[in-house]
N, C-alpha and C. Protein backbone atom coordinates (compact mmCIF):
# COMPACT_ATOMS: atom_id res chain seq x y z
N MET A 1 -53.43 -34.06 -77.79
CA MET A 1 -54.46 -33.66 -76.32
C MET A 1 -53.49 -35.22 -75.10
N HIS A 2 -53.00 -34.59 -73.92
CA HIS A 2 -52.48 -35.58 -73.14
C HIS A 2 -53.22 -35.47 -72.32
N ARG A 3 -53.00 -37.29 -71.70
CA ARG A 3 -54.07 -37.58 -70.82
C ARG A 3 -53.29 -37.54 -69.50
N ASN A 4 -54.39 -36.64 -68.71
CA ASN A 4 -54.10 -37.16 -67.44
C ASN A 4 -53.86 -38.41 -66.25
N ALA A 5 -52.23 -37.91 -65.76
CA ALA A 5 -52.04 -39.08 -64.81
C ALA A 5 -53.17 -39.10 -63.22
N ILE A 6 -53.80 -40.25 -62.98
CA ILE A 6 -54.84 -40.14 -62.32
C ILE A 6 -54.37 -41.00 -61.11
N VAL A 7 -54.16 -41.05 -60.44
CA VAL A 7 -53.39 -42.48 -59.21
C VAL A 7 -54.77 -41.88 -57.92
N THR A 8 -55.28 -42.90 -57.20
CA THR A 8 -55.86 -43.31 -56.35
C THR A 8 -55.07 -43.75 -55.26
N ARG A 9 -55.79 -43.56 -54.22
CA ARG A 9 -55.10 -43.91 -52.81
C ARG A 9 -55.88 -43.92 -51.50
N SER A 10 -55.48 -44.71 -50.52
CA SER A 10 -55.80 -44.04 -49.23
C SER A 10 -55.34 -42.50 -48.53
N ALA A 11 -55.90 -41.99 -47.93
CA ALA A 11 -55.33 -40.71 -47.36
C ALA A 11 -54.57 -40.65 -46.29
N THR A 12 -53.31 -40.41 -46.01
CA THR A 12 -52.71 -40.15 -44.65
C THR A 12 -52.45 -39.14 -44.47
N ARG A 13 -51.99 -39.17 -42.71
CA ARG A 13 -52.10 -37.72 -42.06
C ARG A 13 -51.61 -36.48 -42.94
N GLU A 14 -50.67 -36.49 -43.83
CA GLU A 14 -50.42 -35.29 -44.57
C GLU A 14 -50.89 -34.72 -45.75
N ASP A 15 -52.12 -35.66 -45.60
CA ASP A 15 -53.19 -34.67 -46.74
C ASP A 15 -53.97 -33.90 -45.93
N ALA A 16 -54.10 -34.28 -44.66
CA ALA A 16 -55.37 -33.23 -43.78
C ALA A 16 -55.24 -31.71 -44.14
N ALA A 17 -54.05 -31.18 -44.36
CA ALA A 17 -54.23 -30.04 -45.09
C ALA A 17 -55.05 -29.22 -45.83
N ASP A 18 -54.92 -30.37 -46.90
CA ASP A 18 -55.35 -30.14 -48.54
C ASP A 18 -57.32 -30.74 -47.98
N LEU A 19 -57.03 -31.44 -47.47
CA LEU A 19 -58.70 -32.20 -47.32
C LEU A 19 -59.29 -30.83 -45.98
N VAL A 20 -58.71 -30.06 -45.72
CA VAL A 20 -59.25 -28.88 -45.18
C VAL A 20 -59.58 -27.94 -46.40
N GLU A 21 -59.11 -27.59 -47.13
CA GLU A 21 -58.87 -26.44 -48.37
C GLU A 21 -60.50 -27.28 -49.20
N LEU A 22 -60.18 -28.44 -49.25
CA LEU A 22 -61.16 -29.26 -50.48
C LEU A 22 -62.46 -29.18 -49.36
N TRP A 23 -62.58 -29.25 -48.39
CA TRP A 23 -64.13 -29.49 -47.44
C TRP A 23 -64.21 -28.84 -46.46
N SER A 24 -63.42 -27.31 -46.86
CA SER A 24 -63.89 -26.24 -45.95
C SER A 24 -64.76 -25.37 -45.29
N GLU A 25 -66.22 -25.88 -46.53
CA GLU A 25 -67.74 -25.71 -46.27
C GLU A 25 -68.28 -26.67 -45.39
N SER A 26 -67.87 -27.46 -45.48
CA SER A 26 -68.33 -28.41 -44.66
C SER A 26 -67.71 -28.67 -42.98
N LEU A 27 -66.46 -28.29 -42.66
CA LEU A 27 -66.18 -28.25 -41.40
C LEU A 27 -66.38 -27.62 -40.31
N ARG A 28 -66.32 -28.15 -38.77
CA ARG A 28 -66.91 -27.00 -38.29
C ARG A 28 -66.26 -25.94 -38.30
N ARG A 29 -66.95 -24.75 -37.80
CA ARG A 29 -66.30 -23.59 -37.78
C ARG A 29 -65.20 -23.17 -36.51
N ALA A 30 -63.90 -23.19 -36.95
CA ALA A 30 -62.94 -23.88 -35.96
C ALA A 30 -61.94 -22.84 -36.49
N ASP A 31 -60.80 -23.11 -36.07
CA ASP A 31 -59.47 -22.53 -36.83
C ASP A 31 -58.86 -22.96 -37.49
N ARG A 32 -57.72 -22.93 -38.20
CA ARG A 32 -57.48 -23.93 -39.26
C ARG A 32 -56.55 -25.27 -38.31
N SER A 33 -55.88 -24.69 -37.41
CA SER A 33 -55.31 -26.17 -36.96
C SER A 33 -56.56 -26.75 -36.41
N GLU A 34 -57.27 -26.67 -35.43
CA GLU A 34 -58.04 -27.33 -35.18
C GLU A 34 -59.16 -28.25 -36.75
N GLN A 35 -59.41 -27.93 -37.75
CA GLN A 35 -59.58 -28.51 -38.43
C GLN A 35 -58.75 -29.28 -39.03
N ILE A 36 -57.31 -28.96 -38.77
CA ILE A 36 -56.22 -29.92 -39.57
C ILE A 36 -56.68 -31.23 -38.91
N ALA A 37 -56.48 -30.93 -37.06
CA ALA A 37 -56.97 -31.73 -36.09
C ALA A 37 -57.43 -33.02 -36.30
N ASP A 38 -59.32 -32.65 -36.79
CA ASP A 38 -60.07 -33.19 -36.97
C ASP A 38 -59.90 -33.93 -37.89
N LEU A 39 -59.35 -33.64 -39.10
CA LEU A 39 -59.32 -34.51 -40.34
C LEU A 39 -58.11 -35.45 -40.11
N GLU A 40 -57.21 -34.95 -39.24
CA GLU A 40 -56.26 -36.19 -39.00
C GLU A 40 -56.95 -37.18 -38.58
N LEU A 41 -57.88 -37.09 -37.43
CA LEU A 41 -58.74 -37.91 -36.68
C LEU A 41 -60.13 -38.68 -37.54
N VAL A 42 -60.17 -38.09 -38.54
CA VAL A 42 -61.26 -38.99 -39.25
C VAL A 42 -60.08 -40.07 -40.29
N ILE A 43 -59.14 -38.95 -40.81
CA ILE A 43 -58.08 -40.12 -41.46
C ILE A 43 -57.64 -41.44 -40.68
N LYS A 44 -57.39 -41.08 -39.56
CA LYS A 44 -56.77 -42.21 -38.47
C LYS A 44 -58.08 -43.35 -38.21
N GLN A 45 -58.98 -42.89 -38.21
CA GLN A 45 -60.99 -44.03 -38.10
C GLN A 45 -60.83 -44.68 -39.28
N ALA A 46 -60.91 -43.48 -40.29
CA ALA A 46 -61.11 -44.44 -41.21
C ALA A 46 -59.88 -45.48 -41.58
N ALA A 47 -59.06 -45.80 -41.51
CA ALA A 47 -57.49 -46.58 -41.58
C ALA A 47 -57.43 -47.87 -40.60
N ALA A 48 -58.30 -47.15 -39.34
CA ALA A 48 -58.52 -48.55 -38.54
C ALA A 48 -59.87 -49.20 -38.44
N THR A 49 -60.44 -48.80 -39.24
CA THR A 49 -61.45 -49.91 -39.56
C THR A 49 -61.38 -50.40 -40.76
N PRO A 50 -61.98 -51.91 -41.09
CA PRO A 50 -62.88 -52.23 -42.86
C PRO A 50 -63.51 -51.60 -43.27
N ASP A 51 -64.34 -50.49 -42.70
CA ASP A 51 -65.98 -49.93 -42.26
C ASP A 51 -66.04 -49.19 -43.46
N GLU A 52 -64.42 -48.02 -42.94
CA GLU A 52 -64.20 -46.97 -43.72
C GLU A 52 -63.46 -46.92 -44.56
N ARG A 53 -63.30 -46.00 -45.35
CA ARG A 53 -62.05 -45.82 -46.03
C ARG A 53 -62.26 -44.54 -46.70
N LEU A 54 -60.96 -43.55 -46.44
CA LEU A 54 -60.78 -42.20 -47.05
C LEU A 54 -59.83 -42.48 -48.26
N ILE A 55 -60.55 -41.78 -49.20
CA ILE A 55 -60.13 -41.86 -50.64
C ILE A 55 -59.44 -40.44 -51.13
N VAL A 56 -57.87 -40.37 -51.43
CA VAL A 56 -57.79 -39.05 -52.08
C VAL A 56 -57.06 -39.65 -54.11
N VAL A 57 -57.55 -38.20 -54.64
CA VAL A 57 -57.38 -38.71 -55.93
C VAL A 57 -56.03 -37.66 -56.42
N GLU A 58 -55.14 -38.07 -57.08
CA GLU A 58 -53.44 -36.72 -57.26
C GLU A 58 -53.80 -36.98 -58.48
N CYS A 59 -54.17 -36.18 -59.26
CA CYS A 59 -53.74 -35.76 -60.64
C CYS A 59 -52.41 -35.28 -61.19
N ASN A 60 -51.89 -35.94 -62.18
CA ASN A 60 -50.37 -35.03 -62.59
C ASN A 60 -49.82 -34.83 -61.20
N GLY A 61 -49.76 -35.58 -60.02
CA GLY A 61 -48.76 -35.54 -58.92
C GLY A 61 -49.19 -34.71 -57.59
N SER A 62 -50.57 -34.01 -57.87
CA SER A 62 -51.19 -33.33 -57.34
C SER A 62 -52.34 -33.56 -56.76
N PHE A 63 -52.79 -33.25 -55.31
CA PHE A 63 -53.71 -33.23 -54.48
C PHE A 63 -54.91 -32.68 -55.19
N ALA A 64 -56.04 -33.78 -55.92
CA ALA A 64 -56.99 -33.19 -56.55
C ALA A 64 -58.52 -33.71 -56.34
N GLY A 65 -58.46 -34.12 -54.98
CA GLY A 65 -59.97 -34.81 -54.91
C GLY A 65 -60.05 -35.55 -53.64
N ALA A 66 -61.39 -35.65 -52.85
CA ALA A 66 -61.32 -36.83 -51.94
C ALA A 66 -62.82 -37.30 -51.80
N VAL A 67 -63.31 -38.39 -51.28
CA VAL A 67 -64.23 -38.80 -50.56
C VAL A 67 -63.99 -39.68 -49.67
N LEU A 68 -64.71 -39.50 -48.90
CA LEU A 68 -65.26 -40.45 -47.23
C LEU A 68 -66.30 -41.70 -47.55
N LEU A 69 -65.44 -42.93 -47.66
CA LEU A 69 -66.54 -44.07 -47.83
C LEU A 69 -66.86 -45.01 -46.45
N ARG A 70 -68.27 -44.87 -46.27
CA ARG A 70 -68.39 -45.49 -45.31
C ARG A 70 -69.13 -46.83 -45.26
N LEU A 71 -69.47 -47.82 -45.10
CA LEU A 71 -70.30 -48.91 -45.14
C LEU A 71 -71.10 -49.02 -43.76
N LEU A 72 -72.86 -48.63 -44.04
CA LEU A 72 -73.55 -48.23 -43.00
C LEU A 72 -74.74 -49.39 -43.32
N THR A 73 -75.92 -49.00 -43.08
CA THR A 73 -77.30 -49.32 -43.48
C THR A 73 -78.07 -47.94 -44.51
N LEU A 74 -78.28 -48.00 -45.35
CA LEU A 74 -79.61 -46.87 -45.62
C LEU A 74 -79.88 -45.98 -45.29
N SER A 75 -80.40 -46.19 -43.84
CA SER A 75 -80.68 -45.54 -42.54
C SER A 75 -80.98 -46.39 -41.50
N PRO A 76 -80.96 -45.57 -40.56
CA PRO A 76 -81.28 -46.19 -38.99
C PRO A 76 -82.17 -47.28 -39.00
N LEU A 77 -83.43 -46.67 -40.09
CA LEU A 77 -85.15 -47.75 -39.95
C LEU A 77 -84.73 -48.57 -41.25
N ASN A 78 -83.72 -48.40 -42.60
CA ASN A 78 -84.07 -49.18 -43.30
C ASN A 78 -82.45 -49.81 -43.28
N LEU A 79 -82.45 -50.82 -43.04
CA LEU A 79 -81.52 -51.62 -42.31
C LEU A 79 -80.54 -51.99 -44.07
N GLU A 80 -80.62 -52.11 -44.89
CA GLU A 80 -80.40 -52.68 -46.48
C GLU A 80 -78.96 -52.16 -46.16
N PRO A 81 -77.62 -53.08 -46.18
CA PRO A 81 -76.42 -52.57 -46.29
C PRO A 81 -75.89 -51.21 -47.45
N CYS A 82 -75.40 -50.61 -47.12
CA CYS A 82 -75.22 -49.38 -47.90
C CYS A 82 -73.83 -48.75 -47.90
N VAL A 83 -73.25 -48.44 -49.88
CA VAL A 83 -71.81 -47.49 -49.10
C VAL A 83 -72.20 -46.24 -49.05
N GLN A 84 -71.96 -45.31 -48.40
CA GLN A 84 -72.25 -43.55 -48.41
C GLN A 84 -70.82 -43.40 -48.81
N SER A 85 -70.89 -42.56 -49.61
CA SER A 85 -69.88 -42.03 -50.49
C SER A 85 -70.12 -40.33 -50.14
N ILE A 86 -69.44 -40.12 -48.66
CA ILE A 86 -69.74 -38.88 -48.07
C ILE A 86 -68.63 -37.39 -48.65
N GLN A 87 -69.28 -36.87 -48.80
CA GLN A 87 -68.12 -35.40 -50.04
C GLN A 87 -67.65 -35.75 -51.03
N PRO A 88 -68.40 -35.97 -52.14
CA PRO A 88 -66.68 -36.92 -52.85
C PRO A 88 -66.48 -35.39 -53.59
N ARG A 89 -65.51 -34.72 -53.71
CA ARG A 89 -65.29 -33.48 -53.90
C ARG A 89 -64.34 -33.19 -54.80
N VAL A 90 -63.76 -32.25 -55.86
CA VAL A 90 -63.04 -32.00 -56.81
C VAL A 90 -62.76 -30.53 -56.38
N LEU A 91 -61.01 -30.42 -56.55
CA LEU A 91 -60.63 -28.82 -56.51
C LEU A 91 -61.05 -28.64 -57.76
N THR A 92 -61.30 -27.10 -57.83
CA THR A 92 -61.97 -26.36 -58.87
C THR A 92 -60.74 -26.45 -60.11
N ARG A 93 -59.68 -26.71 -59.90
CA ARG A 93 -58.65 -26.68 -60.75
C ARG A 93 -58.69 -27.99 -61.51
N PHE A 94 -59.15 -28.73 -61.01
CA PHE A 94 -59.11 -30.29 -61.73
C PHE A 94 -60.36 -30.72 -61.90
N ALA A 95 -61.16 -29.54 -62.11
CA ALA A 95 -62.48 -30.24 -62.88
C ALA A 95 -62.54 -30.56 -64.26
N ARG A 96 -63.31 -31.48 -64.40
CA ARG A 96 -63.23 -32.22 -65.63
C ARG A 96 -61.95 -32.92 -66.21
N GLN A 97 -61.17 -33.75 -65.59
CA GLN A 97 -60.34 -34.28 -66.28
C GLN A 97 -60.11 -35.89 -65.39
N GLY A 98 -61.98 -35.83 -64.93
CA GLY A 98 -61.90 -37.55 -64.80
C GLY A 98 -61.74 -37.70 -63.17
N VAL A 99 -60.83 -36.94 -62.21
CA VAL A 99 -60.69 -36.85 -60.93
C VAL A 99 -62.30 -37.29 -60.34
N GLY A 100 -63.69 -37.14 -60.35
CA GLY A 100 -64.00 -37.10 -59.77
C GLY A 100 -65.04 -38.62 -60.53
N ARG A 101 -64.87 -39.02 -61.31
CA ARG A 101 -65.02 -40.41 -61.89
C ARG A 101 -64.16 -41.61 -61.23
N ALA A 102 -63.07 -41.02 -60.79
CA ALA A 102 -61.63 -41.74 -59.96
C ALA A 102 -62.72 -42.01 -58.96
N LEU A 103 -62.54 -41.36 -58.20
CA LEU A 103 -63.42 -41.31 -56.56
C LEU A 103 -64.75 -41.96 -56.41
N MET A 104 -66.04 -41.87 -57.47
CA MET A 104 -67.13 -43.15 -57.85
C MET A 104 -66.38 -43.96 -57.96
N GLU A 105 -65.50 -44.27 -58.78
CA GLU A 105 -64.54 -46.18 -59.12
C GLU A 105 -64.52 -46.43 -57.95
N ALA A 106 -63.43 -45.76 -57.05
CA ALA A 106 -63.15 -46.20 -55.67
C ALA A 106 -64.26 -46.36 -55.00
N ALA A 107 -65.29 -45.74 -54.99
CA ALA A 107 -66.79 -45.88 -54.27
C ALA A 107 -67.44 -47.54 -54.38
N VAL A 108 -67.41 -47.02 -55.82
CA VAL A 108 -68.42 -49.09 -56.81
C VAL A 108 -67.44 -49.97 -56.33
N THR A 109 -66.09 -49.87 -55.97
CA THR A 109 -64.70 -50.56 -55.79
C THR A 109 -64.99 -50.91 -54.49
N PHE A 110 -65.39 -50.48 -53.45
CA PHE A 110 -65.33 -50.30 -52.21
C PHE A 110 -66.72 -51.33 -51.76
N ALA A 111 -67.95 -50.81 -52.24
CA ALA A 111 -68.90 -51.47 -52.48
C ALA A 111 -68.97 -52.92 -52.80
N GLU A 112 -68.32 -53.23 -53.70
CA GLU A 112 -68.11 -54.47 -54.57
C GLU A 112 -67.16 -55.54 -53.89
N GLU A 113 -66.35 -54.31 -53.21
CA GLU A 113 -65.54 -55.80 -52.43
C GLU A 113 -66.12 -56.01 -51.20
N ASN A 114 -67.76 -54.95 -50.41
CA ASN A 114 -67.91 -55.41 -49.58
C ASN A 114 -69.57 -56.10 -49.76
N GLY A 115 -69.31 -56.39 -50.98
CA GLY A 115 -71.03 -57.37 -51.66
C GLY A 115 -72.23 -56.23 -51.32
N VAL A 116 -71.83 -54.99 -51.17
CA VAL A 116 -73.05 -54.20 -51.29
C VAL A 116 -73.56 -54.07 -52.63
N LEU A 117 -75.12 -53.64 -52.50
CA LEU A 117 -75.71 -53.36 -53.84
C LEU A 117 -76.14 -52.21 -53.89
N VAL A 118 -76.25 -51.04 -52.75
CA VAL A 118 -76.95 -49.95 -52.79
C VAL A 118 -75.66 -48.65 -52.50
N MET A 119 -76.00 -47.74 -52.84
CA MET A 119 -74.58 -46.68 -52.56
C MET A 119 -75.40 -45.22 -52.45
N SER A 120 -74.74 -44.26 -51.78
CA SER A 120 -75.49 -43.36 -51.73
C SER A 120 -74.57 -42.19 -51.59
N THR A 121 -74.67 -41.16 -51.76
CA THR A 121 -74.17 -39.90 -51.58
C THR A 121 -74.77 -38.73 -50.74
N THR A 122 -73.79 -37.62 -50.81
CA THR A 122 -73.71 -36.88 -50.09
C THR A 122 -73.25 -35.86 -51.07
N VAL A 123 -74.02 -34.49 -51.08
CA VAL A 123 -73.23 -33.26 -51.86
C VAL A 123 -73.71 -32.36 -51.46
N PRO A 124 -73.09 -30.79 -51.55
CA PRO A 124 -73.73 -30.00 -51.09
C PRO A 124 -75.09 -29.35 -52.06
N ALA A 125 -75.99 -28.90 -51.26
CA ALA A 125 -77.31 -28.95 -52.72
C ALA A 125 -77.03 -27.72 -53.51
N SER A 126 -76.37 -26.87 -52.82
CA SER A 126 -76.08 -25.64 -53.75
C SER A 126 -74.87 -25.80 -55.22
N ASP A 127 -74.44 -27.16 -54.78
CA ASP A 127 -73.21 -27.27 -55.85
C ASP A 127 -74.03 -27.98 -57.42
N ARG A 128 -74.26 -27.42 -58.04
CA ARG A 128 -75.17 -27.70 -59.13
C ARG A 128 -74.51 -28.75 -59.83
N ASP A 129 -72.82 -28.74 -60.46
CA ASP A 129 -72.30 -29.83 -61.29
C ASP A 129 -72.45 -30.88 -60.34
N ALA A 130 -71.55 -30.86 -59.14
CA ALA A 130 -72.04 -32.48 -58.22
C ALA A 130 -73.32 -32.78 -58.46
N ASN A 131 -74.33 -32.15 -58.44
CA ASN A 131 -75.40 -32.44 -58.12
C ASN A 131 -76.00 -32.99 -60.01
N ARG A 132 -75.83 -32.86 -60.97
CA ARG A 132 -75.97 -32.84 -62.20
C ARG A 132 -75.43 -33.96 -62.48
N PHE A 133 -73.53 -33.91 -61.65
CA PHE A 133 -72.68 -35.59 -62.13
C PHE A 133 -73.56 -36.68 -61.48
N MET A 134 -73.72 -36.43 -60.56
CA MET A 134 -74.54 -37.80 -59.78
C MET A 134 -75.59 -38.34 -60.01
N ALA A 135 -76.28 -36.96 -60.68
CA ALA A 135 -77.58 -37.33 -61.45
C ALA A 135 -77.35 -38.40 -62.81
N ARG A 136 -76.04 -38.16 -63.74
CA ARG A 136 -75.88 -38.88 -64.78
C ARG A 136 -75.30 -39.94 -64.19
N LEU A 137 -74.88 -40.40 -62.93
CA LEU A 137 -74.47 -41.74 -63.05
C LEU A 137 -75.19 -42.38 -62.53
N GLY A 138 -76.54 -41.73 -61.96
CA GLY A 138 -77.50 -42.77 -61.51
C GLY A 138 -78.41 -42.42 -60.25
N PHE A 139 -77.80 -41.90 -59.20
CA PHE A 139 -78.32 -41.42 -58.37
C PHE A 139 -79.29 -40.53 -58.32
N ASN A 140 -80.31 -41.06 -57.34
CA ASN A 140 -82.03 -40.13 -57.62
C ASN A 140 -81.61 -39.55 -56.41
N SER A 141 -82.35 -38.40 -55.88
CA SER A 141 -83.19 -37.76 -54.42
C SER A 141 -83.78 -39.34 -53.89
N ALA A 142 -83.54 -39.68 -52.95
CA ALA A 142 -83.98 -40.30 -51.67
C ALA A 142 -84.66 -39.76 -50.40
N TYR A 143 -83.67 -38.87 -50.06
CA TYR A 143 -84.10 -38.39 -48.86
C TYR A 143 -83.39 -36.90 -48.92
N VAL A 144 -83.82 -35.62 -48.45
CA VAL A 144 -83.86 -34.42 -48.33
C VAL A 144 -83.18 -34.35 -46.70
N TRP A 145 -81.58 -34.23 -46.52
CA TRP A 145 -80.90 -33.87 -45.58
C TRP A 145 -80.75 -32.70 -45.35
N ARG A 146 -81.43 -31.96 -44.24
CA ARG A 146 -81.66 -30.49 -43.80
C ARG A 146 -81.02 -30.22 -42.16
N VAL A 147 -80.64 -29.48 -42.56
CA VAL A 147 -79.35 -28.71 -41.03
C VAL A 147 -80.00 -27.32 -40.80
N ALA A 148 -79.99 -27.28 -39.66
CA ALA A 148 -80.38 -25.75 -38.76
C ALA A 148 -80.18 -25.73 -37.47
N PRO A 149 -79.49 -24.67 -37.29
CA PRO A 149 -78.66 -24.42 -35.97
C PRO A 149 -79.72 -24.86 -34.69
N THR A 150 -79.63 -24.98 -33.66
CA THR A 150 -80.07 -25.79 -32.61
C THR A 150 -81.30 -24.01 -32.27
N GLY A 151 -80.52 -23.14 -31.90
CA GLY A 151 -81.37 -21.91 -31.51
C GLY A 151 -82.30 -21.75 -32.44
N VAL A 152 -82.31 -21.24 -33.77
CA VAL A 152 -83.28 -21.09 -34.67
C VAL A 152 -84.39 -22.20 -34.52
N LEU A 153 -84.43 -23.63 -34.11
CA LEU A 153 -85.39 -24.43 -34.39
C LEU A 153 -85.97 -23.91 -32.80
N ARG A 154 -85.45 -23.41 -31.82
CA ARG A 154 -85.80 -23.21 -30.38
C ARG A 154 -86.99 -21.94 -30.65
N SER A 155 -85.84 -21.16 -31.34
CA SER A 155 -86.89 -19.58 -31.25
C SER A 155 -87.97 -19.85 -32.18
N ARG A 156 -88.13 -21.29 -33.05
CA ARG A 156 -89.20 -21.26 -34.20
C ARG A 156 -90.59 -22.11 -33.47
N LEU A 157 -89.80 -22.97 -32.38
CA LEU A 157 -90.83 -23.94 -31.69
C LEU A 157 -91.51 -23.25 -30.33
N ASP A 158 -90.85 -21.99 -30.14
CA ASP A 158 -91.27 -21.52 -28.81
C ASP A 158 -92.53 -20.88 -28.47
N PRO A 159 -93.33 -21.54 -27.61
CA PRO A 159 -94.74 -20.85 -27.59
C PRO A 159 -95.07 -19.50 -27.55
N THR A 160 -93.84 -19.00 -26.98
CA THR A 160 -94.27 -17.48 -26.32
C THR A 160 -94.75 -16.92 -27.82
N PRO A 161 -95.57 -15.39 -27.73
CA PRO A 161 -95.79 -15.09 -28.89
C PRO A 161 -94.94 -14.22 -29.48
N THR A 162 -94.63 -14.32 -30.61
CA THR A 162 -93.97 -13.68 -31.43
C THR A 162 -94.45 -12.24 -31.33
N PRO A 163 -93.20 -10.92 -32.32
CA PRO A 163 -93.99 -9.75 -32.39
C PRO A 163 -95.14 -9.93 -33.56
N ARG A 164 -95.12 -10.73 -34.47
CA ARG A 164 -96.18 -10.48 -35.49
C ARG A 164 -97.16 -11.04 -34.47
N ARG A 165 -97.63 -12.14 -33.53
CA ARG A 165 -98.67 -12.66 -32.81
C ARG A 165 -99.16 -11.61 -32.22
N SER A 166 -98.21 -10.68 -31.68
CA SER A 166 -98.59 -9.46 -30.50
C SER A 166 -99.58 -8.42 -31.58
N ASN A 167 -98.89 -8.28 -32.72
CA ASN A 167 -99.38 -7.46 -33.41
C ASN A 167 -100.71 -7.30 -34.24
N THR A 168 -100.84 -8.91 -34.70
CA THR A 168 -102.22 -9.50 -34.73
C THR A 168 -103.36 -8.82 -33.42
N GLY A 169 -102.99 -9.60 -32.57
CA GLY A 169 -103.72 -8.88 -31.13
C GLY A 169 -103.96 -7.92 -30.91
N ARG A 170 -103.03 -6.90 -31.03
CA ARG A 170 -103.04 -5.52 -31.13
C ARG A 170 -104.19 -5.06 -32.45
N SER A 171 -104.08 -5.59 -33.26
CA SER A 171 -104.55 -4.86 -34.25
C SER A 171 -106.40 -5.38 -34.28
N ARG A 172 -106.63 -6.05 -33.99
CA ARG A 172 -107.86 -6.86 -32.73
C ARG A 172 -108.45 -6.10 -32.43
N VAL A 173 -107.87 -5.33 -31.55
CA VAL A 173 -108.17 -4.67 -30.53
C VAL A 173 -108.40 -2.87 -30.86
N LEU A 174 -107.54 -2.83 -31.71
CA LEU A 174 -107.84 -1.37 -32.17
C LEU A 174 -109.22 -1.46 -32.99
N ALA A 175 -109.28 -2.80 -34.02
CA ALA A 175 -110.53 -2.73 -34.67
C ALA A 175 -111.70 -2.84 -34.15
N ALA A 176 -112.35 -3.61 -32.92
CA ALA A 176 -112.85 -3.69 -31.56
C ALA A 176 -113.18 -2.12 -31.52
N ARG A 177 -111.80 -1.40 -31.21
CA ARG A 177 -112.10 0.30 -30.44
C ARG A 177 -112.71 0.69 -31.69
N ARG A 178 -112.31 0.92 -32.96
CA ARG A 178 -112.82 2.01 -33.86
C ARG A 178 -114.37 1.38 -34.19
N SER A 179 -114.94 0.11 -33.92
CA SER A 179 -115.94 -0.37 -34.28
C SER A 179 -117.05 0.31 -33.06
N ALA A 180 -116.24 0.24 -32.55
CA ALA A 180 -117.07 0.93 -31.10
C ALA A 180 -117.75 2.50 -31.00
N ARG A 181 -116.65 3.47 -31.69
CA ARG A 181 -116.53 4.25 -32.38
C ARG A 181 -117.76 4.73 -33.46
N ARG A 182 -117.51 4.03 -34.13
CA ARG A 182 -118.95 4.16 -35.12
C ARG A 182 -120.07 3.89 -34.65
N ARG A 183 -120.22 3.12 -33.63
CA ARG A 183 -121.21 2.92 -32.96
C ARG A 183 -121.97 4.11 -32.77
N THR A 184 -121.29 4.26 -31.54
CA THR A 184 -121.30 5.45 -30.58
C THR A 184 -121.58 6.62 -31.36
N THR A 185 -121.14 7.31 -32.85
CA THR A 185 -121.12 8.52 -33.43
C THR A 185 -121.63 8.25 -34.76
N GLU A 186 -122.78 7.29 -34.84
CA GLU A 186 -123.68 6.54 -35.90
C GLU A 186 -125.04 7.70 -35.81
N PRO A 187 -125.42 8.01 -36.34
CA PRO A 187 -126.51 8.96 -36.24
C PRO A 187 -128.06 8.49 -35.57
N VAL A 188 -128.81 8.66 -34.60
CA VAL A 188 -129.45 7.82 -34.09
C VAL A 188 -130.73 8.36 -34.78
N GLU A 189 -131.77 7.49 -34.95
CA GLU A 189 -133.08 7.79 -35.76
C GLU A 189 -133.74 8.37 -34.74
N LEU A 190 -134.54 9.02 -34.37
CA LEU A 190 -135.42 9.27 -33.78
C LEU A 190 -136.80 9.60 -34.51
N GLY A 191 -137.97 9.14 -33.83
CA GLY A 191 -139.23 9.16 -34.65
C GLY A 191 -139.97 10.16 -34.38
N ASP A 192 -140.53 10.66 -35.42
CA ASP A 192 -141.77 11.27 -35.72
C ASP A 192 -142.95 11.35 -34.65
């Protein structure tokens, strides 16, 4: 059995197209050229600040995975310094070849370089393998980050009656009418 040649490095502009393939589910809905332009901007921003690093891992000379690292606080309310590992992902054809471990080793190294004691990560909730991997490494669920379209939230929060509420009101009216009919059609007892 041969060992894979794993190389970890900072992303370059030339990696943008590969990053689009890797993170396609997480990018904004746009055509491919706009997504590539978005990721070129992310790469440029990460290179321009010491608080970010976009790491790429190659396996046997081929692009295999990436992670965006950011030095922030645990949350806007909890000011504990934290390294966020955003979307550590591995291309399917490189699964179980040490790429994910290399990504997380780069994240830990970045945290250690910055004297940070806490790390967090975001992976898709639907990706069982990624979530299991992170749990095996010691990540626990601390927060649930939910996402919804603004229009959906507006429709759910709008105080105007929904069809369900209207039907409930209509049902009450129909029930009252039936009750009134029964009262008028009930036999009346006449005294002797």
